[in-house]
């Protein structure tokens, strides 16, 4: 297995979403997500997968669910029943991305090498949260601030963390 990268956007209090939906609309963040994950395997929970209007192009979706009767007919999707099963679908030297939701992020934190976090500079009402990033275990290696503009209602910062 290559590098496991967790990728997310979270509010100031680690908010991810509410009612299985995002709390903001950041077109540049969507573009960055697409650039980073295209051509790779993306690992997610069932609810995250079901929140998409359609499968994401040029990516293999690995969907984790406890439901052993859950089936999908999309050729670019694999259904597994644990994080360990998902990781077994990653070949030696192959990079993969953990894309959510909150439970999957919490489960995968220990096996993650890199965190690509878009920190949205606002607070939101949420029911799903990103796990806290412990500065004793994670080093911030880069960040890039973006002010709000006509397409982005909130300021945000791209942050990259590497496991120490």
N, C-alpha and C. Protein backbone atom coordinates (compact mmCIF):
# COMPACT_ATOMS: atom_id res chain seq x y z
N UNK A 1 0.85 -1.17 0.00
CA UNK A 1 0.00 0.00 0.00
C UNK A 1 0.89 1.24 0.00
N UNK A 2 0.47 2.22 -0.75
CA UNK A 2 1.19 3.49 -0.80
C UNK A 2 0.75 4.39 0.33
N UNK A 3 0.54 5.64 0.02
CA UNK A 3 0.14 6.65 1.00
C UNK A 3 -1.38 6.64 1.18
N UNK A 4 -1.81 6.67 2.42
CA UNK A 4 -3.23 6.83 2.74
C UNK A 4 -3.43 8.28 3.15
N UNK A 5 -4.26 8.99 2.41
CA UNK A 5 -4.52 10.40 2.66
C UNK A 5 -5.98 10.58 3.05
N UNK A 6 -6.19 11.27 4.14
CA UNK A 6 -7.55 11.63 4.55
C UNK A 6 -7.81 13.02 3.98
N UNK A 7 -8.93 13.20 3.31
CA UNK A 7 -9.24 14.50 2.71
C UNK A 7 -10.63 14.94 3.17
N UNK A 8 -10.71 16.18 3.66
CA UNK A 8 -11.97 16.67 4.21
C UNK A 8 -11.98 18.19 4.22
N UNK A 9 -13.18 18.73 4.38
CA UNK A 9 -13.36 20.15 4.67
C UNK A 9 -14.14 20.21 5.98
N UNK A 10 -13.66 21.03 6.90
CA UNK A 10 -14.29 21.10 8.22
C UNK A 10 -14.32 22.53 8.71
N UNK A 11 -15.37 22.87 9.46
CA UNK A 11 -15.49 24.19 10.05
C UNK A 11 -14.53 24.38 11.21
N UNK A 12 -14.56 25.53 11.82
CA UNK A 12 -13.66 25.87 12.92
C UNK A 12 -13.77 24.90 14.09
N UNK A 13 -14.95 24.30 14.28
CA UNK A 13 -15.15 23.35 15.38
C UNK A 13 -15.24 21.92 14.85
N UNK A 14 -14.56 21.66 13.74
CA UNK A 14 -14.48 20.34 13.09
C UNK A 14 -15.81 19.86 12.50
N UNK A 15 -16.73 20.79 12.25
CA UNK A 15 -18.01 20.41 11.65
C UNK A 15 -17.79 19.92 10.21
N UNK A 16 -18.44 18.81 9.87
CA UNK A 16 -18.38 18.27 8.51
C UNK A 16 -19.69 18.43 7.76
N UNK A 17 -20.79 18.14 8.42
CA UNK A 17 -22.06 18.15 7.72
C UNK A 17 -23.24 18.04 8.66
N UNK A 18 -24.41 18.12 8.05
CA UNK A 18 -25.67 17.96 8.78
C UNK A 18 -26.68 17.32 7.84
N UNK A 19 -27.40 16.34 8.36
CA UNK A 19 -28.42 15.64 7.57
C UNK A 19 -27.83 15.10 6.27
N UNK A 20 -26.62 14.55 6.36
CA UNK A 20 -25.94 13.93 5.23
C UNK A 20 -25.68 14.90 4.08
N UNK A 21 -25.43 16.17 4.42
CA UNK A 21 -25.14 17.17 3.40
C UNK A 21 -24.03 18.09 3.91
N UNK A 22 -23.33 18.73 2.98
CA UNK A 22 -22.29 19.69 3.34
C UNK A 22 -22.93 20.96 3.87
N UNK A 23 -22.14 21.74 4.60
CA UNK A 23 -22.64 22.95 5.24
C UNK A 23 -22.27 24.21 4.46
N UNK A 24 -21.53 24.08 3.37
CA UNK A 24 -21.03 25.21 2.59
C UNK A 24 -20.88 24.79 1.15
N UNK A 25 -20.65 25.78 0.30
CA UNK A 25 -20.39 25.52 -1.12
C UNK A 25 -19.09 26.25 -1.46
N UNK A 26 -18.02 25.47 -1.69
CA UNK A 26 -16.72 26.04 -2.01
C UNK A 26 -16.22 25.42 -3.32
N UNK A 27 -16.52 26.06 -4.45
CA UNK A 27 -16.14 25.48 -5.75
C UNK A 27 -14.65 25.18 -5.88
N UNK A 28 -13.79 26.04 -5.35
CA UNK A 28 -12.35 25.77 -5.45
C UNK A 28 -11.96 24.53 -4.66
N UNK A 29 -12.63 24.29 -3.54
CA UNK A 29 -12.35 23.09 -2.76
C UNK A 29 -12.79 21.84 -3.52
N UNK A 30 -13.95 21.90 -4.17
CA UNK A 30 -14.40 20.77 -5.01
C UNK A 30 -13.38 20.48 -6.10
N UNK A 31 -12.86 21.54 -6.71
CA UNK A 31 -11.86 21.39 -7.78
C UNK A 31 -10.59 20.73 -7.25
N UNK A 32 -10.15 21.18 -6.08
CA UNK A 32 -8.94 20.60 -5.46
C UNK A 32 -9.17 19.13 -5.10
N UNK A 33 -10.35 18.82 -4.54
CA UNK A 33 -10.69 17.44 -4.21
C UNK A 33 -10.60 16.57 -5.46
N UNK A 34 -11.16 17.04 -6.55
CA UNK A 34 -11.14 16.30 -7.82
C UNK A 34 -9.71 16.09 -8.30
N UNK A 35 -8.89 17.15 -8.27
CA UNK A 35 -7.51 17.05 -8.72
C UNK A 35 -6.71 16.05 -7.89
N UNK A 36 -6.89 16.07 -6.57
CA UNK A 36 -6.12 15.20 -5.70
C UNK A 36 -6.57 13.74 -5.78
N UNK A 37 -7.87 13.51 -5.91
CA UNK A 37 -8.38 12.13 -5.82
C UNK A 37 -8.55 11.43 -7.16
N UNK A 38 -8.58 12.17 -8.26
CA UNK A 38 -8.78 11.54 -9.57
C UNK A 38 -7.70 10.50 -9.85
N UNK A 39 -8.15 9.36 -10.38
CA UNK A 39 -7.24 8.28 -10.71
C UNK A 39 -6.90 7.38 -9.53
N UNK A 40 -7.52 7.63 -8.37
CA UNK A 40 -7.20 6.86 -7.17
C UNK A 40 -8.43 6.14 -6.63
N UNK A 41 -8.20 5.26 -5.67
CA UNK A 41 -9.29 4.64 -4.93
C UNK A 41 -9.69 5.59 -3.80
N UNK A 42 -11.01 5.74 -3.62
CA UNK A 42 -11.54 6.58 -2.55
C UNK A 42 -12.38 5.69 -1.63
N UNK A 43 -12.11 5.79 -0.35
CA UNK A 43 -12.76 4.96 0.67
C UNK A 43 -13.73 5.83 1.43
N UNK A 44 -14.97 5.35 1.57
CA UNK A 44 -16.01 6.14 2.23
C UNK A 44 -17.04 5.24 2.89
N UNK A 45 -17.83 5.82 3.77
CA UNK A 45 -18.96 5.13 4.33
C UNK A 45 -20.15 5.16 3.37
N UNK A 46 -21.11 4.30 3.63
CA UNK A 46 -22.29 4.20 2.77
C UNK A 46 -23.06 5.51 2.69
N UNK A 47 -23.24 6.18 3.83
CA UNK A 47 -24.02 7.43 3.81
C UNK A 47 -23.32 8.50 2.98
N UNK A 48 -22.00 8.56 3.06
CA UNK A 48 -21.26 9.52 2.23
C UNK A 48 -21.49 9.19 0.75
N UNK A 49 -21.37 7.91 0.40
CA UNK A 49 -21.60 7.52 -0.99
C UNK A 49 -23.00 7.91 -1.44
N UNK A 50 -23.99 7.64 -0.61
CA UNK A 50 -25.38 7.92 -0.98
C UNK A 50 -25.67 9.42 -1.04
N UNK A 51 -24.80 10.24 -0.49
CA UNK A 51 -25.01 11.69 -0.57
C UNK A 51 -24.59 12.26 -1.93
N UNK A 52 -23.86 11.49 -2.72
CA UNK A 52 -23.44 11.96 -4.05
C UNK A 52 -24.60 11.86 -5.03
N UNK A 53 -24.72 12.83 -5.93
CA UNK A 53 -25.76 12.72 -6.96
C UNK A 53 -25.46 11.59 -7.95
N UNK A 54 -24.18 11.25 -8.13
CA UNK A 54 -23.76 10.14 -9.00
C UNK A 54 -22.35 9.74 -8.59
N UNK A 55 -21.85 8.65 -9.15
CA UNK A 55 -20.48 8.25 -8.83
C UNK A 55 -19.51 9.31 -9.34
N UNK A 56 -18.37 9.41 -8.70
CA UNK A 56 -17.37 10.40 -9.08
C UNK A 56 -16.50 9.82 -10.19
N UNK A 57 -16.35 10.54 -11.29
CA UNK A 57 -15.61 9.99 -12.43
C UNK A 57 -14.13 9.77 -12.14
N UNK A 58 -13.57 8.78 -12.81
CA UNK A 58 -12.13 8.49 -12.78
C UNK A 58 -11.62 8.14 -11.37
N UNK A 59 -12.48 7.50 -10.58
CA UNK A 59 -12.10 7.05 -9.24
C UNK A 59 -12.80 5.74 -8.96
N UNK A 60 -12.12 4.85 -8.26
CA UNK A 60 -12.74 3.62 -7.79
C UNK A 60 -13.28 3.88 -6.39
N UNK A 61 -14.56 3.64 -6.20
CA UNK A 61 -15.23 3.89 -4.92
C UNK A 61 -15.21 2.60 -4.09
N UNK A 62 -14.68 2.68 -2.88
CA UNK A 62 -14.75 1.57 -1.93
C UNK A 62 -15.68 2.03 -0.81
N UNK A 63 -16.84 1.38 -0.73
CA UNK A 63 -17.89 1.80 0.20
C UNK A 63 -17.95 0.82 1.36
N UNK A 64 -17.80 1.35 2.58
CA UNK A 64 -17.86 0.53 3.79
C UNK A 64 -19.27 0.61 4.36
N UNK A 65 -19.86 -0.57 4.60
CA UNK A 65 -21.18 -0.64 5.23
C UNK A 65 -21.26 -1.86 6.13
N UNK A 66 -22.05 -1.75 7.19
CA UNK A 66 -22.29 -2.91 8.06
C UNK A 66 -23.37 -3.82 7.45
N UNK A 67 -24.11 -3.31 6.49
CA UNK A 67 -25.21 -4.04 5.86
C UNK A 67 -24.67 -5.07 4.86
N UNK A 68 -24.72 -6.33 5.23
CA UNK A 68 -24.18 -7.40 4.36
C UNK A 68 -25.06 -7.67 3.15
N UNK A 69 -26.23 -7.06 3.09
CA UNK A 69 -27.10 -7.21 1.92
C UNK A 69 -26.99 -6.03 0.95
N UNK A 70 -26.16 -5.06 1.28
CA UNK A 70 -26.01 -3.86 0.45
C UNK A 70 -25.25 -4.23 -0.82
N UNK A 71 -25.84 -3.90 -1.96
CA UNK A 71 -25.22 -4.21 -3.24
C UNK A 71 -25.29 -3.01 -4.16
N UNK A 72 -24.27 -2.90 -5.00
CA UNK A 72 -24.24 -1.86 -6.02
C UNK A 72 -23.86 -2.51 -7.34
N UNK A 73 -24.39 -1.95 -8.42
CA UNK A 73 -24.10 -2.53 -9.74
C UNK A 73 -23.15 -1.66 -10.55
N UNK A 74 -22.64 -0.58 -9.96
CA UNK A 74 -21.70 0.27 -10.68
C UNK A 74 -20.35 -0.43 -10.78
N UNK A 75 -19.76 -0.50 -11.98
CA UNK A 75 -18.48 -1.20 -12.11
C UNK A 75 -17.33 -0.53 -11.35
N UNK A 76 -17.43 0.76 -11.09
CA UNK A 76 -16.35 1.47 -10.40
C UNK A 76 -16.53 1.48 -8.88
N UNK A 77 -17.44 0.63 -8.35
CA UNK A 77 -17.72 0.59 -6.91
C UNK A 77 -17.47 -0.81 -6.35
N UNK A 78 -16.90 -0.83 -5.14
CA UNK A 78 -16.73 -2.07 -4.39
C UNK A 78 -17.40 -1.86 -3.03
N UNK A 79 -18.12 -2.87 -2.57
CA UNK A 79 -18.74 -2.81 -1.26
C UNK A 79 -17.95 -3.72 -0.32
N UNK A 80 -17.56 -3.17 0.84
CA UNK A 80 -16.84 -3.93 1.85
C UNK A 80 -17.53 -3.69 3.19
N UNK A 81 -17.10 -4.45 4.21
CA UNK A 81 -17.81 -4.39 5.48
C UNK A 81 -16.93 -3.96 6.66
N UNK A 82 -15.71 -3.53 6.36
CA UNK A 82 -14.85 -2.98 7.42
C UNK A 82 -13.73 -2.17 6.77
N UNK A 83 -13.09 -1.33 7.58
CA UNK A 83 -11.94 -0.58 7.09
C UNK A 83 -10.83 -1.54 6.65
N UNK A 84 -10.65 -2.62 7.39
CA UNK A 84 -9.62 -3.60 7.03
C UNK A 84 -9.90 -4.20 5.65
N UNK A 85 -11.18 -4.52 5.38
CA UNK A 85 -11.55 -5.03 4.04
C UNK A 85 -11.24 -3.99 2.97
N UNK A 86 -11.53 -2.73 3.27
CA UNK A 86 -11.25 -1.66 2.31
C UNK A 86 -9.76 -1.58 2.01
N UNK A 87 -8.94 -1.64 3.04
CA UNK A 87 -7.50 -1.53 2.86
C UNK A 87 -6.94 -2.71 2.06
N UNK A 88 -7.57 -3.87 2.18
CA UNK A 88 -7.12 -5.04 1.39
C UNK A 88 -7.35 -4.83 -0.10
N UNK A 89 -8.18 -3.88 -0.47
CA UNK A 89 -8.45 -3.58 -1.89
C UNK A 89 -7.44 -2.61 -2.48
N UNK A 90 -6.49 -2.17 -1.66
CA UNK A 90 -5.45 -1.24 -2.11
C UNK A 90 -4.20 -2.06 -2.40
N UNK A 91 -3.69 -1.95 -3.60
CA UNK A 91 -2.50 -2.71 -4.00
C UNK A 91 -1.23 -2.12 -3.40
N UNK A 92 -0.17 -2.93 -3.40
CA UNK A 92 1.13 -2.46 -2.92
C UNK A 92 1.54 -1.24 -3.74
N UNK A 93 1.98 -0.19 -3.07
CA UNK A 93 2.43 1.01 -3.75
C UNK A 93 1.33 1.93 -4.24
N UNK A 94 0.08 1.53 -4.07
CA UNK A 94 -1.06 2.32 -4.56
C UNK A 94 -1.52 3.30 -3.48
N UNK A 95 -1.71 4.56 -3.87
CA UNK A 95 -2.23 5.58 -2.95
C UNK A 95 -3.75 5.52 -2.92
N UNK A 96 -4.33 5.87 -1.78
CA UNK A 96 -5.79 5.89 -1.65
C UNK A 96 -6.18 7.06 -0.75
N UNK A 97 -7.45 7.45 -0.85
CA UNK A 97 -7.97 8.59 -0.10
C UNK A 97 -9.17 8.15 0.74
N UNK A 98 -9.18 8.57 1.99
CA UNK A 98 -10.32 8.40 2.89
C UNK A 98 -11.13 9.68 2.75
N UNK A 99 -12.42 9.56 2.32
CA UNK A 99 -13.18 10.78 2.04
C UNK A 99 -14.41 10.97 2.95
N UNK A 100 -14.55 10.15 3.98
CA UNK A 100 -15.64 10.39 4.93
C UNK A 100 -16.62 9.24 5.05
N UNK A 101 -17.58 9.42 5.87
CA UNK A 101 -17.90 10.54 6.73
C UNK A 101 -17.20 10.46 8.08
N UNK A 102 -17.84 11.10 9.06
CA UNK A 102 -17.24 11.26 10.37
C UNK A 102 -16.78 9.97 11.02
N UNK A 103 -17.60 8.92 10.98
CA UNK A 103 -17.22 7.64 11.59
C UNK A 103 -16.02 7.02 10.88
N UNK A 104 -15.99 7.10 9.57
CA UNK A 104 -14.88 6.52 8.80
C UNK A 104 -13.60 7.31 9.07
N UNK A 105 -13.68 8.64 9.14
CA UNK A 105 -12.50 9.43 9.48
C UNK A 105 -11.95 9.00 10.85
N UNK A 106 -12.82 8.85 11.84
CA UNK A 106 -12.37 8.46 13.18
C UNK A 106 -11.71 7.08 13.16
N UNK A 107 -12.31 6.14 12.43
CA UNK A 107 -11.74 4.79 12.32
C UNK A 107 -10.39 4.80 11.63
N UNK A 108 -10.21 5.66 10.64
CA UNK A 108 -9.02 5.62 9.78
C UNK A 108 -7.89 6.52 10.26
N UNK A 109 -8.10 7.30 11.29
CA UNK A 109 -7.07 8.26 11.70
C UNK A 109 -5.73 7.59 11.99
N UNK A 110 -5.74 6.44 12.64
CA UNK A 110 -4.48 5.78 13.00
C UNK A 110 -3.72 5.21 11.80
N UNK A 111 -4.40 4.90 10.71
CA UNK A 111 -3.72 4.31 9.55
C UNK A 111 -3.43 5.36 8.47
N UNK A 112 -3.79 6.60 8.74
CA UNK A 112 -3.61 7.67 7.76
C UNK A 112 -2.19 8.24 7.84
N UNK A 113 -1.62 8.54 6.67
CA UNK A 113 -0.28 9.13 6.59
C UNK A 113 -0.32 10.65 6.45
N UNK A 114 -1.29 11.14 5.67
CA UNK A 114 -1.41 12.57 5.34
C UNK A 114 -2.86 12.98 5.57
N UNK A 115 -3.07 14.20 6.07
CA UNK A 115 -4.41 14.78 6.13
C UNK A 115 -4.41 16.02 5.25
N UNK A 116 -5.30 16.05 4.28
CA UNK A 116 -5.54 17.24 3.45
C UNK A 116 -6.84 17.84 3.96
N UNK A 117 -6.74 18.91 4.73
CA UNK A 117 -7.92 19.49 5.36
C UNK A 117 -8.15 20.89 4.82
N UNK A 118 -9.37 21.14 4.40
CA UNK A 118 -9.78 22.50 4.08
C UNK A 118 -10.50 23.02 5.32
N UNK A 119 -9.86 23.98 6.00
CA UNK A 119 -10.45 24.55 7.21
C UNK A 119 -11.32 25.72 6.80
N UNK A 120 -12.63 25.58 6.99
CA UNK A 120 -13.58 26.64 6.65
C UNK A 120 -13.68 27.56 7.87
N UNK A 121 -13.41 28.83 7.67
CA UNK A 121 -13.31 29.77 8.79
C UNK A 121 -14.67 30.33 9.17
N UNK A 122 -15.48 29.45 9.74
CA UNK A 122 -16.80 29.80 10.26
C UNK A 122 -17.25 28.64 11.15
N UNK A 123 -18.28 28.87 11.93
CA UNK A 123 -18.87 27.83 12.76
C UNK A 123 -20.26 27.50 12.24
N UNK A 124 -20.64 26.25 12.38
CA UNK A 124 -21.88 25.76 11.78
C UNK A 124 -22.60 24.83 12.74
N UNK A 125 -23.91 24.72 12.54
CA UNK A 125 -24.68 23.68 13.23
C UNK A 125 -24.47 22.40 12.45
N UNK A 126 -24.05 21.33 13.13
CA UNK A 126 -23.69 20.09 12.43
C UNK A 126 -24.10 18.88 13.25
N UNK A 127 -24.14 17.73 12.59
CA UNK A 127 -24.35 16.47 13.30
C UNK A 127 -23.22 15.46 13.01
N UNK A 128 -22.25 15.88 12.21
CA UNK A 128 -21.11 15.03 11.86
C UNK A 128 -19.84 15.88 11.98
N UNK A 129 -18.81 15.26 12.57
CA UNK A 129 -17.59 16.02 12.87
C UNK A 129 -16.33 15.27 12.42
N UNK A 130 -15.30 16.04 12.08
CA UNK A 130 -13.98 15.52 11.79
C UNK A 130 -13.26 15.28 13.12
N UNK A 131 -12.46 14.22 13.23
CA UNK A 131 -11.75 14.01 14.49
C UNK A 131 -10.74 15.12 14.76
N UNK A 132 -10.49 15.40 16.02
CA UNK A 132 -9.50 16.41 16.39
C UNK A 132 -8.12 15.97 15.92
N UNK A 133 -7.34 16.93 15.44
CA UNK A 133 -5.97 16.65 14.99
C UNK A 133 -5.03 16.96 16.15
N UNK A 134 -4.42 15.92 16.69
CA UNK A 134 -3.54 16.05 17.83
C UNK A 134 -2.17 16.57 17.36
N UNK A 135 -1.76 17.77 17.78
CA UNK A 135 -0.49 18.34 17.31
C UNK A 135 0.74 17.53 17.74
N UNK A 136 0.58 16.65 18.73
CA UNK A 136 1.69 15.80 19.13
C UNK A 136 1.91 14.65 18.13
N UNK A 137 0.88 14.34 17.34
CA UNK A 137 0.97 13.24 16.36
C UNK A 137 1.02 13.73 14.92
N UNK A 138 0.61 14.98 14.69
CA UNK A 138 0.50 15.51 13.33
C UNK A 138 1.25 16.83 13.20
N UNK A 139 2.00 16.97 12.12
CA UNK A 139 2.75 18.19 11.85
C UNK A 139 2.11 18.91 10.66
N UNK A 140 1.80 20.19 10.83
CA UNK A 140 1.29 21.01 9.73
C UNK A 140 2.47 21.33 8.82
N UNK A 141 2.42 20.84 7.57
CA UNK A 141 3.57 21.03 6.67
C UNK A 141 3.32 22.07 5.60
N UNK A 142 2.04 22.42 5.37
CA UNK A 142 1.77 23.53 4.44
C UNK A 142 0.36 24.05 4.68
N UNK A 143 0.17 25.31 4.35
CA UNK A 143 -1.16 25.89 4.38
C UNK A 143 -1.25 27.04 3.40
N UNK A 144 -2.46 27.21 2.87
CA UNK A 144 -2.70 28.22 1.85
C UNK A 144 -4.07 28.84 2.11
N UNK A 145 -4.07 30.12 2.45
CA UNK A 145 -5.29 30.83 2.82
C UNK A 145 -6.01 31.36 1.57
N UNK A 146 -7.35 31.28 1.59
CA UNK A 146 -8.19 31.82 0.51
C UNK A 146 -9.29 32.67 1.13
N UNK A 147 -9.34 33.96 0.82
CA UNK A 147 -10.40 34.81 1.36
C UNK A 147 -11.74 34.53 0.66
N UNK A 148 -12.81 34.88 1.33
CA UNK A 148 -14.14 34.78 0.72
C UNK A 148 -14.16 35.67 -0.52
N UNK A 149 -14.98 35.28 -1.50
CA UNK A 149 -15.14 36.09 -2.71
C UNK A 149 -16.53 35.84 -3.28
N UNK A 150 -16.77 36.25 -4.52
CA UNK A 150 -18.11 36.13 -5.09
C UNK A 150 -18.56 34.67 -5.23
N UNK A 151 -17.63 33.71 -5.31
CA UNK A 151 -17.98 32.29 -5.42
C UNK A 151 -17.89 31.53 -4.11
N UNK A 152 -17.24 32.14 -3.12
CA UNK A 152 -16.98 31.46 -1.84
C UNK A 152 -17.43 32.36 -0.70
N UNK A 153 -18.49 31.94 -0.03
CA UNK A 153 -19.09 32.75 1.03
C UNK A 153 -18.19 32.85 2.27
N UNK A 154 -17.32 31.85 2.47
CA UNK A 154 -16.48 31.79 3.67
C UNK A 154 -15.00 31.81 3.29
N UNK A 155 -14.17 32.41 4.15
CA UNK A 155 -12.73 32.26 4.05
C UNK A 155 -12.41 30.79 4.34
N UNK A 156 -11.33 30.29 3.76
CA UNK A 156 -10.90 28.93 4.06
C UNK A 156 -9.41 28.81 3.84
N UNK A 157 -8.82 27.78 4.45
CA UNK A 157 -7.39 27.53 4.33
C UNK A 157 -7.17 26.06 4.03
N UNK A 158 -6.40 25.78 2.98
CA UNK A 158 -5.97 24.41 2.71
C UNK A 158 -4.82 24.11 3.67
N UNK A 159 -4.93 23.04 4.42
CA UNK A 159 -3.88 22.64 5.36
C UNK A 159 -3.47 21.19 5.05
N UNK A 160 -2.17 20.96 5.03
CA UNK A 160 -1.66 19.60 4.86
C UNK A 160 -0.89 19.21 6.12
N UNK A 161 -1.29 18.09 6.70
CA UNK A 161 -0.64 17.56 7.90
C UNK A 161 0.02 16.22 7.55
N UNK A 162 1.19 15.99 8.15
CA UNK A 162 1.88 14.69 7.99
C UNK A 162 2.01 14.08 9.37
N UNK A 163 1.82 12.77 9.44
CA UNK A 163 1.98 12.08 10.71
C UNK A 163 3.43 12.17 11.15
N UNK A 164 3.65 12.48 12.43
CA UNK A 164 5.01 12.61 12.98
C UNK A 164 5.62 11.23 13.19
